[in-house]
Amino acid sequence: MRKIIILIILLVNVMSCSELSEMEARSQQRRRERERECRYNYKGELQGCYYIR
């Protein structure tokens, strides 16, 4: 019984850590998309990216 309880606690801990890392990754992605503006030429080639403040 004790081993089962420890296993459940460990599984809950791992699940919460993975959820936190996913939330952090989504936050970083949104921050990167929001803070940069990229310019392209008429051919669709990247000219440069600039940070937006």
Protein backbone atom coordinates (compact mmCIF):
# COMPACT_ATOMS: atom_id res chain seq x y z
CA MET A 1 0.00 0.00 0.00
CA ARG A 2 2.81 2.38 0.88
CA LYS A 3 4.53 1.81 -2.49
CA ILE A 4 1.31 2.62 -4.35
CA ILE A 5 0.91 5.90 -2.49
CA ILE A 6 4.51 6.86 -3.23
CA LEU A 7 4.01 5.96 -6.90
CA ILE A 8 0.88 8.13 -7.12
CA ILE A 9 2.68 11.08 -5.49
CA LEU A 10 5.59 10.74 -7.92
CA LEU A 11 3.25 10.56 -10.93
CA VAL A 12 1.38 13.68 -9.84
CA ASN A 13 4.67 15.49 -9.37
CA VAL A 14 5.93 14.53 -12.83
CA MET A 15 2.64 15.54 -14.45
CA SER A 16 2.65 18.95 -12.79
CA CYS A 17 6.27 19.56 -13.83
CA SER A 18 5.54 18.67 -17.45
CA GLU A 19 2.50 20.96 -17.48
CA LEU A 20 4.60 23.80 -16.09
CA SER A 21 7.27 23.30 -18.75
CA GLU A 22 4.61 23.29 -21.50
CA MET A 23 3.11 26.50 -20.14
CA GLU A 24 6.56 28.11 -20.05
CA ALA A 25 7.28 27.03 -23.64
CA ARG A 26 3.98 28.52 -24.86
CA SER A 27 4.71 31.74 -22.98
CA GLN A 28 8.17 32.02 -24.52
CA GLN A 29 6.74 31.39 -28.02
CA ARG A 30 4.10 34.10 -27.60
CA ARG A 31 6.72 36.51 -26.26
CA ARG A 32 9.01 35.86 -29.24
CA GLU A 33 6.17 36.35 -31.73
CA ARG A 34 4.96 39.53 -30.09
CA GLU A 35 8.31 41.27 -29.70
CA ARG A 36 9.66 40.92 -33.24
CA GLU A 37 8.61 42.28 -36.57
CA CYS A 38 10.23 40.83 -39.69
CA ARG A 39 10.39 42.49 -43.08
CA TYR A 40 10.46 40.68 -46.40
CA ASN A 41 11.24 41.88 -49.92
CA TYR A 42 9.00 41.42 -52.96
CA LYS A 43 10.44 37.92 -53.56
CA GLY A 44 9.49 36.80 -50.07
CA GLU A 45 13.07 36.75 -48.82
CA LEU A 46 13.75 37.84 -45.27
CA GLN A 47 15.30 41.30 -45.09
CA GLY A 48 15.60 41.59 -41.34
CA CYS A 49 13.78 41.35 -38.03
CA TYR A 50 13.39 44.23 -35.62
CA TYR A 51 12.39 44.21 -32.00
CA ILE A 52 9.18 46.02 -31.06
CA ARG A 53 9.11 47.80 -27.73
